[in-house]
């Protein structure tokens, strides 16, 4: 199997579970996030448990020049798998939110992901192949009142990933969009979503979602939703709903 995976947002949640799963299969890792202490702890855990090599890169991927700094830090490594997992959301009416917060969301969720896909994707093509997994969301299937910018960034990620796969597949590089529903991670707390119907759902564990996405990536699938019921609803029911009804339904899920 491919050996070295670069995983962003690896200090917690789905990113950490991607790292654990990849290491359990014998793969080496480059893990990055802002929290150096969490990265070091994960490095120690994985190297001890699986006898793999783990390199940590602590930086703010969404800061100006952050993605370029990561590209420079890994330039001497041959990366077989790129998992763009880093991202965050934010709750509230768009015009009442701090604009800087939403622009920072775009910088991390979109600009950093695109930058890494460009640089690492180019290297993969030159090396004869590779796999890219971009973590999107079921939010990609609809507009998101009270999370307008977050939903829009995920629509971009899913659209971009599919186009990129079509461009690169013949060159040996596949691109998969992982589109999970609600997942039990610290995302909801960071996005201030506590108390909404969205987080009252049963949801999935980070480990379940990571395995689903990783396996789909290895299989070269174009996109994957981790729950069959959600996939049916989003692909067959939601498109048939009147648009304003859909918008009101989505907003209600996110109201406190």
C-alpha atoms as a PDB file:
ATOM      1  CA  UNK A   1       0.000   0.000   0.000  1.00  0.00           C
ATOM      2  CA  UNK A   2       1.097   3.649  -0.296  1.00  0.00           C
ATOM      3  CA  UNK A   3       3.400   4.449   2.587  1.00  0.00           C
ATOM      4  CA  UNK A   4       3.527   8.126   3.586  1.00  0.00           C
ATOM      5  CA  UNK A   5       0.419  10.172   4.325  1.00  0.00           C
ATOM      6  CA  UNK A   6       0.269  13.917   5.007  1.00  0.00           C
ATOM      7  CA  UNK A   7      -2.725  14.686   7.231  1.00  0.00           C
ATOM      8  CA  UNK A   8      -3.840  18.203   8.167  1.00  0.00           C
ATOM      9  CA  UNK A   9      -5.831  18.958  11.289  1.00  0.00           C
ATOM     10  CA  UNK A  10      -4.411  15.802  12.843  1.00  0.00           C
ATOM     11  CA  UNK A  11      -4.367  16.846  16.508  1.00  0.00           C
ATOM     12  CA  UNK A  12      -7.945  15.772  17.240  1.00  0.00           C
ATOM     13  CA  UNK A  13     -11.202  14.407  15.869  1.00  0.00           C
ATOM     14  CA  UNK A  14     -11.356  12.834  12.432  1.00  0.00           C
ATOM     15  CA  UNK A  15      -7.797  13.899  11.590  1.00  0.00           C
ATOM     16  CA  UNK A  16      -6.369  12.048  14.559  1.00  0.00           C
ATOM     17  CA  UNK A  17      -8.376   8.948  13.636  1.00  0.00           C
ATOM     18  CA  UNK A  18      -7.104   9.111  10.052  1.00  0.00           C
ATOM     19  CA  UNK A  19      -3.581   9.062  11.460  1.00  0.00           C
ATOM     20  CA  UNK A  20      -4.336   6.118  13.737  1.00  0.00           C
ATOM     21  CA  UNK A  21      -5.926   4.114  10.948  1.00  0.00           C
ATOM     22  CA  UNK A  22      -3.136   4.805   8.474  1.00  0.00           C
ATOM     23  CA  UNK A  23      -0.493   3.866  11.052  1.00  0.00           C
ATOM     24  CA  UNK A  24      -2.370   0.650  11.881  1.00  0.00           C
ATOM     25  CA  UNK A  25      -1.908  -0.338   8.237  1.00  0.00           C
ATOM     26  CA  UNK A  26       1.842   0.220   8.517  1.00  0.00           C
ATOM     27  CA  UNK A  27       2.049   3.640   6.882  1.00  0.00           C
ATOM     28  CA  UNK A  28       4.395   6.470   7.832  1.00  0.00           C
ATOM     29  CA  UNK A  29       2.946   9.881   8.572  1.00  0.00           C
ATOM     30  CA  UNK A  30       3.435  13.613   8.426  1.00  0.00           C
ATOM     31  CA  UNK A  31       0.887  15.185  10.746  1.00  0.00           C
ATOM     32  CA  UNK A  32       0.170  18.864  11.095  1.00  0.00           C
ATOM     33  CA  UNK A  33      -2.011  21.122  13.239  1.00  0.00           C
ATOM     34  CA  UNK A  34      -1.562  24.188  15.434  1.00  0.00           C
ATOM     35  CA  UNK A  35      -1.216  22.321  18.746  1.00  0.00           C
ATOM     36  CA  UNK A  36       2.312  20.984  18.984  1.00  0.00           C
ATOM     37  CA  UNK A  37       1.701  19.186  22.267  1.00  0.00           C
ATOM     38  CA  UNK A  38      -1.187  17.157  20.832  1.00  0.00           C
ATOM     39  CA  UNK A  39       0.864  16.315  17.749  1.00  0.00           C
ATOM     40  CA  UNK A  40       3.807  15.142  19.851  1.00  0.00           C
ATOM     41  CA  UNK A  41       1.518  12.957  21.968  1.00  0.00           C
ATOM     42  CA  UNK A  42       0.022  11.383  18.851  1.00  0.00           C
ATOM     43  CA  UNK A  43       3.486  10.827  17.382  1.00  0.00           C
ATOM     44  CA  UNK A  44       4.592   8.982  20.518  1.00  0.00           C
ATOM     45  CA  UNK A  45       1.421   6.884  20.544  1.00  0.00           C
ATOM     46  CA  UNK A  46       1.645   5.811  16.910  1.00  0.00           C
ATOM     47  CA  UNK A  47       5.372   5.153  16.804  1.00  0.00           C
ATOM     48  CA  UNK A  48       5.138   2.987  19.912  1.00  0.00           C
ATOM     49  CA  UNK A  49       2.042   1.085  18.810  1.00  0.00           C
ATOM     50  CA  UNK A  50       2.824   0.525  15.135  1.00  0.00           C
ATOM     51  CA  UNK A  51       6.587   1.014  14.671  1.00  0.00           C
ATOM     52  CA  UNK A  52       6.041   3.638  11.986  1.00  0.00           C
ATOM     53  CA  UNK A  53       7.790   6.970  11.399  1.00  0.00           C
ATOM     54  CA  UNK A  54       5.798  10.095  12.293  1.00  0.00           C
ATOM     55  CA  UNK A  55       6.919  13.631  11.471  1.00  0.00           C
ATOM     56  CA  UNK A  56       5.131  16.559  13.116  1.00  0.00           C
ATOM     57  CA  UNK A  57       4.738  20.052  11.672  1.00  0.00           C
ATOM     58  CA  UNK A  58       3.096  22.518  14.056  1.00  0.00           C
ATOM     59  CA  UNK A  59       1.722  25.568  12.253  1.00  0.00           C
ATOM     60  CA  UNK A  60      -1.447  27.528  11.520  1.00  0.00           C
ATOM     61  CA  UNK A  61      -2.444  26.318   8.080  1.00  0.00           C
ATOM     62  CA  UNK A  62      -5.013  29.064   7.623  1.00  0.00           C
ATOM     63  CA  UNK A  63      -2.650  31.940   8.440  1.00  0.00           C
ATOM     64  CA  UNK A  64      -1.121  33.953   5.589  1.00  0.00           C
ATOM     65  CA  UNK A  65       1.595  31.782   4.073  1.00  0.00           C
ATOM     66  CA  UNK A  66       0.631  28.809   6.267  1.00  0.00           C
ATOM     67  CA  UNK A  67      -0.029  26.369   3.444  1.00  0.00           C
ATOM     68  CA  UNK A  68       3.118  27.429   1.633  1.00  0.00           C
ATOM     69  CA  UNK A  69       5.114  26.922   4.850  1.00  0.00           C
ATOM     70  CA  UNK A  70       3.761  23.371   5.099  1.00  0.00           C
ATOM     71  CA  UNK A  71       4.653  22.663   1.473  1.00  0.00           C
ATOM     72  CA  UNK A  72       8.192  23.865   2.165  1.00  0.00           C
ATOM     73  CA  UNK A  73       8.425  21.758   5.336  1.00  0.00           C
ATOM     74  CA  UNK A  74       7.556  18.536   3.472  1.00  0.00           C
ATOM     75  CA  UNK A  75       9.388  19.210   0.212  1.00  0.00           C
ATOM     76  CA  UNK A  76      11.960  16.484   0.853  1.00  0.00           C
ATOM     77  CA  UNK A  77       9.318  13.804   1.518  1.00  0.00           C
ATOM     78  CA  UNK A  78       7.578  11.649  -1.087  1.00  0.00           C
ATOM     79  CA  UNK A  79       3.908  11.906  -0.163  1.00  0.00           C
ATOM     80  CA  UNK A  80       1.674   9.100  -1.380  1.00  0.00           C
ATOM     81  CA  UNK A  81      -1.522  10.201   0.359  1.00  0.00           C
ATOM     82  CA  UNK A  82      -2.759  13.725   1.090  1.00  0.00           C
ATOM     83  CA  UNK A  83      -5.669  14.054   3.514  1.00  0.00           C
ATOM     84  CA  UNK A  84      -6.990  17.606   3.717  1.00  0.00           C
ATOM     85  CA  UNK A  85      -8.920  17.416   6.961  1.00  0.00           C
ATOM     86  CA  UNK A  86      -8.315  20.812   8.605  1.00  0.00           C
ATOM     87  CA  UNK A  87     -11.312  23.119   8.723  1.00  0.00           C
ATOM     88  CA  UNK A  88     -13.787  24.857  11.011  1.00  0.00           C
ATOM     89  CA  UNK A  89     -17.306  26.295  11.036  1.00  0.00           C
ATOM     90  CA  UNK A  90     -19.158  29.077  12.786  1.00  0.00           C
ATOM     91  CA  UNK A  91     -22.758  29.726  13.853  1.00  0.00           C
ATOM     92  CA  UNK A  92     -24.854  32.855  13.385  1.00  0.00           C
ATOM     93  CA  UNK A  93     -26.409  35.250  10.919  1.00  0.00           C
ATOM     94  CA  UNK A  94     -23.706  36.169   8.426  1.00  0.00           C
ATOM     95  CA  UNK A  95     -24.073  39.969   8.710  1.00  0.00           C
ATOM     96  CA  UNK A  96     -23.927  39.733  12.507  1.00  0.00           C
ATOM     97  CA  UNK A  97     -20.761  37.652  12.565  1.00  0.00           C
ATOM     98  CA  UNK A  98     -17.278  39.128  12.504  1.00  0.00           C
ATOM     99  CA  UNK A  99     -16.256  39.235   8.863  1.00  0.00           C
ATOM    100  CA  UNK A 100     -12.678  38.313   9.807  1.00  0.00           C
ATOM    101  CA  UNK A 101     -13.917  34.990  11.206  1.00  0.00           C
ATOM    102  CA  UNK A 102     -15.637  34.026   7.966  1.00  0.00           C
ATOM    103  CA  UNK A 103     -12.711  35.107   5.839  1.00  0.00           C
ATOM    104  CA  UNK A 104     -10.416  32.996   8.049  1.00  0.00           C
ATOM    105  CA  UNK A 105     -12.807  30.077   7.484  1.00  0.00           C
ATOM    106  CA  UNK A 106     -12.471  30.507   3.724  1.00  0.00           C
ATOM    107  CA  UNK A 107      -8.691  30.747   4.053  1.00  0.00           C
ATOM    108  CA  UNK A 108      -8.474  27.408   5.873  1.00  0.00           C
ATOM    109  CA  UNK A 109     -11.381  25.429   4.399  1.00  0.00           C
ATOM    110  CA  UNK A 110     -10.744  26.474   0.797  1.00  0.00           C
ATOM    111  CA  UNK A 111      -7.512  28.371   0.097  1.00  0.00           C
ATOM    112  CA  UNK A 112      -5.206  26.128   2.121  1.00  0.00           C
ATOM    113  CA  UNK A 113      -6.818  22.982   0.683  1.00  0.00           C
ATOM    114  CA  UNK A 114      -6.451  24.267  -2.882  1.00  0.00           C
ATOM    115  CA  UNK A 115      -2.824  25.248  -2.264  1.00  0.00           C
ATOM    116  CA  UNK A 116      -1.930  21.788  -0.940  1.00  0.00           C
ATOM    117  CA  UNK A 117      -3.794  20.019  -3.741  1.00  0.00           C
ATOM    118  CA  UNK A 118      -1.857  22.082  -6.278  1.00  0.00           C
ATOM    119  CA  UNK A 119       1.618  21.544  -4.851  1.00  0.00           C
ATOM    120  CA  UNK A 120       1.258  17.975  -3.561  1.00  0.00           C
ATOM    121  CA  UNK A 121      -0.903  16.985  -6.531  1.00  0.00           C
ATOM    122  CA  UNK A 122       1.808  18.158  -8.904  1.00  0.00           C
ATOM    123  CA  UNK A 123       4.405  16.110  -7.045  1.00  0.00           C
ATOM    124  CA  UNK A 124       2.137  13.055  -7.172  1.00  0.00           C
ATOM    125  CA  UNK A 125       1.739  13.386 -10.929  1.00  0.00           C
ATOM    126  CA  UNK A 126       5.524  13.617 -11.353  1.00  0.00           C
ATOM    127  CA  UNK A 127       5.961  10.560  -9.123  1.00  0.00           C
ATOM    128  CA  UNK A 128       3.463   8.544 -11.145  1.00  0.00           C
ATOM    129  CA  UNK A 129       0.521   8.443  -8.764  1.00  0.00           C
ATOM    130  CA  UNK A 130      -1.063   9.199  -5.422  1.00  0.00           C
ATOM    131  CA  UNK A 131      -4.317   9.609  -3.569  1.00  0.00           C
ATOM    132  CA  UNK A 132      -5.993  12.746  -2.224  1.00  0.00           C
ATOM    133  CA  UNK A 133      -8.844  12.742   0.284  1.00  0.00           C
ATOM    134  CA  UNK A 134     -10.590  16.064   0.887  1.00  0.00           C
ATOM    135  CA  UNK A 135     -12.865  16.196   3.915  1.00  0.00           C
ATOM    136  CA  UNK A 136     -16.067  17.910   2.858  1.00  0.00           C
ATOM    137  CA  UNK A 137     -19.487  17.477   4.490  1.00  0.00           C
ATOM    138  CA  UNK A 138     -23.114  16.717   3.763  1.00  0.00           C
ATOM    139  CA  UNK A 139     -23.307  20.520   3.994  1.00  0.00           C
ATOM    140  CA  UNK A 140     -22.008  20.466   0.411  1.00  0.00           C
ATOM    141  CA  UNK A 141     -25.461  19.423  -0.784  1.00  0.00           C
ATOM    142  CA  UNK A 142     -27.372  22.497   0.364  1.00  0.00           C
ATOM    143  CA  UNK A 143     -27.139  26.155   1.382  1.00  0.00           C
ATOM    144  CA  UNK A 144     -26.781  26.605   5.143  1.00  0.00           C
ATOM    145  CA  UNK A 145     -28.670  29.426   6.820  1.00  0.00           C
ATOM    146  CA  UNK A 146     -26.894  30.252  10.119  1.00  0.00           C
ATOM    147  CA  UNK A 147     -23.734  28.614   8.767  1.00  0.00           C
ATOM    148  CA  UNK A 148     -23.763  30.280   5.355  1.00  0.00           C
ATOM    149  CA  UNK A 149     -20.010  30.495   4.812  1.00  0.00           C
ATOM    150  CA  UNK A 150     -19.208  27.032   6.173  1.00  0.00           C
ATOM    151  CA  UNK A 151     -21.772  25.294   3.961  1.00  0.00           C
ATOM    152  CA  UNK A 152     -20.522  27.255   0.957  1.00  0.00           C
ATOM    153  CA  UNK A 153     -16.908  26.243   1.614  1.00  0.00           C
ATOM    154  CA  UNK A 154     -17.907  22.587   1.680  1.00  0.00           C
ATOM    155  CA  UNK A 155     -19.855  22.935  -1.560  1.00  0.00           C
ATOM    156  CA  UNK A 156     -16.637  24.277  -3.051  1.00  0.00           C
ATOM    157  CA  UNK A 157     -14.569  21.403  -1.655  1.00  0.00           C
ATOM    158  CA  UNK A 158     -16.871  18.731  -3.094  1.00  0.00           C
ATOM    159  CA  UNK A 159     -17.146  20.425  -6.496  1.00  0.00           C
ATOM    160  CA  UNK A 160     -13.398  21.059  -6.696  1.00  0.00           C
ATOM    161  CA  UNK A 161     -12.550  17.502  -5.649  1.00  0.00           C
ATOM    162  CA  UNK A 162     -14.690  15.929  -8.367  1.00  0.00           C
ATOM    163  CA  UNK A 163     -13.265  18.158 -11.093  1.00  0.00           C
ATOM    164  CA  UNK A 164      -9.726  17.503  -9.884  1.00  0.00           C
ATOM    165  CA  UNK A 165     -10.299  13.752  -9.937  1.00  0.00           C
ATOM    166  CA  UNK A 166     -11.432  13.930 -13.562  1.00  0.00           C
ATOM    167  CA  UNK A 167      -8.329  15.923 -14.481  1.00  0.00           C
ATOM    168  CA  UNK A 168      -5.812  13.767 -12.622  1.00  0.00           C
ATOM    169  CA  UNK A 169      -7.161  10.207 -12.719  1.00  0.00           C
ATOM    170  CA  UNK A 170      -5.511   9.414 -16.052  1.00  0.00           C
ATOM    171  CA  UNK A 171      -2.227  10.632 -14.534  1.00  0.00           C
ATOM    172  CA  UNK A 172      -2.488   8.123 -11.681  1.00  0.00           C
ATOM    173  CA  UNK A 173      -3.890  10.434  -9.015  1.00  0.00           C
ATOM    174  CA  UNK A 174      -7.385   9.957  -7.594  1.00  0.00           C
ATOM    175  CA  UNK A 175      -9.316  12.500  -5.536  1.00  0.00           C
ATOM    176  CA  UNK A 176     -12.099  11.567  -3.127  1.00  0.00           C
ATOM    177  CA  UNK A 177     -14.499  13.843  -1.246  1.00  0.00           C
ATOM    178  CA  UNK A 178     -15.572  12.555   2.166  1.00  0.00           C
ATOM    179  CA  UNK A 179     -18.987  14.039   2.996  1.00  0.00           C
ATOM    180  CA  UNK A 180     -19.979  12.974   6.524  1.00  0.00           C
ATOM    181  CA  UNK A 181     -23.069  13.920   8.433  1.00  0.00           C
ATOM    182  CA  UNK A 182     -22.835  14.989  12.065  1.00  0.00           C
ATOM    183  CA  UNK A 183     -19.738  13.595  13.772  1.00  0.00           C
ATOM    184  CA  UNK A 184     -18.975  13.589  17.504  1.00  0.00           C
ATOM    185  CA  UNK A 185     -15.883  15.824  17.640  1.00  0.00           C
ATOM    186  CA  UNK A 186     -15.002  19.232  19.093  1.00  0.00           C
ATOM    187  CA  UNK A 187     -16.255  20.811  15.835  1.00  0.00           C
ATOM    188  CA  UNK A 188     -19.670  21.620  17.332  1.00  0.00           C
ATOM    189  CA  UNK A 189     -18.124  23.385  20.320  1.00  0.00           C
ATOM    190  CA  UNK A 190     -15.748  25.423  18.170  1.00  0.00           C
ATOM    191  CA  UNK A 191     -18.590  26.325  15.782  1.00  0.00           C
ATOM    192  CA  UNK A 192     -20.913  27.285  18.699  1.00  0.00           C
ATOM    193  CA  UNK A 193     -23.536  24.747  17.636  1.00  0.00           C
ATOM    194  CA  UNK A 194     -24.394  23.387  21.081  1.00  0.00           C
ATOM    195  CA  UNK A 195     -28.137  23.405  21.708  1.00  0.00           C
ATOM    196  CA  UNK A 196     -29.135  22.984  18.064  1.00  0.00           C
ATOM    197  CA  UNK A 197     -31.079  20.061  16.635  1.00  0.00           C
ATOM    198  CA  UNK A 198     -28.052  19.358  14.457  1.00  0.00           C
ATOM    199  CA  UNK A 199     -25.939  18.197  17.386  1.00  0.00           C
ATOM    200  CA  UNK A 200     -28.812  16.337  19.037  1.00  0.00           C
ATOM    201  CA  UNK A 201     -28.601  13.710  16.315  1.00  0.00           C
ATOM    202  CA  UNK A 202     -27.059  10.342  17.079  1.00  0.00           C
ATOM    203  CA  UNK A 203     -24.176  11.068  14.722  1.00  0.00           C
ATOM    204  CA  UNK A 204     -21.110   8.955  14.040  1.00  0.00           C
ATOM    205  CA  UNK A 205     -17.784   8.594  15.802  1.00  0.00           C
ATOM    206  CA  UNK A 206     -14.659  10.148  14.354  1.00  0.00           C
ATOM    207  CA  UNK A 207     -13.101   6.690  13.987  1.00  0.00           C
ATOM    208  CA  UNK A 208     -16.078   5.395  11.971  1.00  0.00           C
ATOM    209  CA  UNK A 209     -15.970   8.369   9.625  1.00  0.00           C
ATOM    210  CA  UNK A 210     -12.194   8.227   9.190  1.00  0.00           C
ATOM    211  CA  UNK A 211     -12.281   4.552   8.224  1.00  0.00           C
ATOM    212  CA  UNK A 212     -15.165   5.134   5.813  1.00  0.00           C
ATOM    213  CA  UNK A 213     -13.337   7.965   4.069  1.00  0.00           C
ATOM    214  CA  UNK A 214      -9.923   6.300   4.046  1.00  0.00           C
ATOM    215  CA  UNK A 215     -11.291   3.054   2.585  1.00  0.00           C
ATOM    216  CA  UNK A 216     -13.220   4.997  -0.072  1.00  0.00           C
ATOM    217  CA  UNK A 217     -10.013   6.874  -0.955  1.00  0.00           C
ATOM    218  CA  UNK A 218      -8.059   3.638  -1.357  1.00  0.00           C
ATOM    219  CA  UNK A 219     -10.833   2.340  -3.612  1.00  0.00           C
ATOM    220  CA  UNK A 220     -10.631   5.500  -5.731  1.00  0.00           C
ATOM    221  CA  UNK A 221     -14.257   6.498  -5.103  1.00  0.00           C
ATOM    222  CA  UNK A 222     -15.301   9.965  -6.197  1.00  0.00           C
ATOM    223  CA  UNK A 223     -17.330  10.894  -3.117  1.00  0.00           C
ATOM    224  CA  UNK A 224     -18.665   9.103  -0.062  1.00  0.00           C
ATOM    225  CA  UNK A 225     -21.318   9.815   2.581  1.00  0.00           C
ATOM    226  CA  UNK A 226     -20.824   7.710   5.689  1.00  0.00           C
ATOM    227  CA  UNK A 227     -24.528   6.975   6.253  1.00  0.00           C
ATOM    228  CA  UNK A 228     -26.751   5.281   3.673  1.00  0.00           C
ATOM    229  CA  UNK A 229     -29.928   6.961   4.936  1.00  0.00           C
ATOM    230  CA  UNK A 230     -28.346  10.401   4.643  1.00  0.00           C
ATOM    231  CA  UNK A 231     -27.047   9.608   1.168  1.00  0.00           C
ATOM    232  CA  UNK A 232     -30.530   8.629   0.000  1.00  0.00           C
ATOM    233  CA  UNK A 233     -32.121  11.728   1.506  1.00  0.00           C
ATOM    234  CA  UNK A 234     -29.571  14.154   0.062  1.00  0.00           C
ATOM    235  CA  UNK A 235     -29.439  12.621  -3.399  1.00  0.00           C
ATOM    236  CA  UNK A 236     -33.106  11.747  -3.892  1.00  0.00           C
ATOM    237  CA  UNK A 237     -35.325  13.637  -1.429  1.00  0.00           C
ATOM    238  CA  UNK A 238     -33.650  17.010  -0.917  1.00  0.00           C
ATOM    239  CA  UNK A 239     -33.432  17.845  -4.660  1.00  0.00           C
ATOM    240  CA  UNK A 240     -37.217  17.367  -4.944  1.00  0.00           C
ATOM    241  CA  UNK A 241     -38.076  19.748  -2.089  1.00  0.00           C
ATOM    242  CA  UNK A 242     -39.093  23.324  -2.916  1.00  0.00           C
ATOM    243  CA  UNK A 243     -36.001  25.422  -2.313  1.00  0.00           C
ATOM    244  CA  UNK A 244     -37.499  27.716   0.343  1.00  0.00           C
ATOM    245  CA  UNK A 245     -38.862  24.715   2.219  1.00  0.00           C
ATOM    246  CA  UNK A 246     -35.395  23.186   2.186  1.00  0.00           C
ATOM    247  CA  UNK A 247     -33.833  26.421   3.420  1.00  0.00           C
ATOM    248  CA  UNK A 248     -36.305  26.715   6.299  1.00  0.00           C
ATOM    249  CA  UNK A 249     -35.756  23.059   7.245  1.00  0.00           C
ATOM    250  CA  UNK A 250     -31.978  23.520   7.313  1.00  0.00           C
ATOM    251  CA  UNK A 251     -32.260  26.747   9.296  1.00  0.00           C
ATOM    252  CA  UNK A 252     -34.522  25.112  11.882  1.00  0.00           C
ATOM    253  CA  UNK A 253     -31.906  22.393  12.469  1.00  0.00           C
ATOM    254  CA  UNK A 254     -29.383  25.090  13.356  1.00  0.00           C
ATOM    255  CA  UNK A 255     -31.509  27.369  15.485  1.00  0.00           C
ATOM    256  CA  UNK A 256     -31.006  27.440  19.256  1.00  0.00           C
END
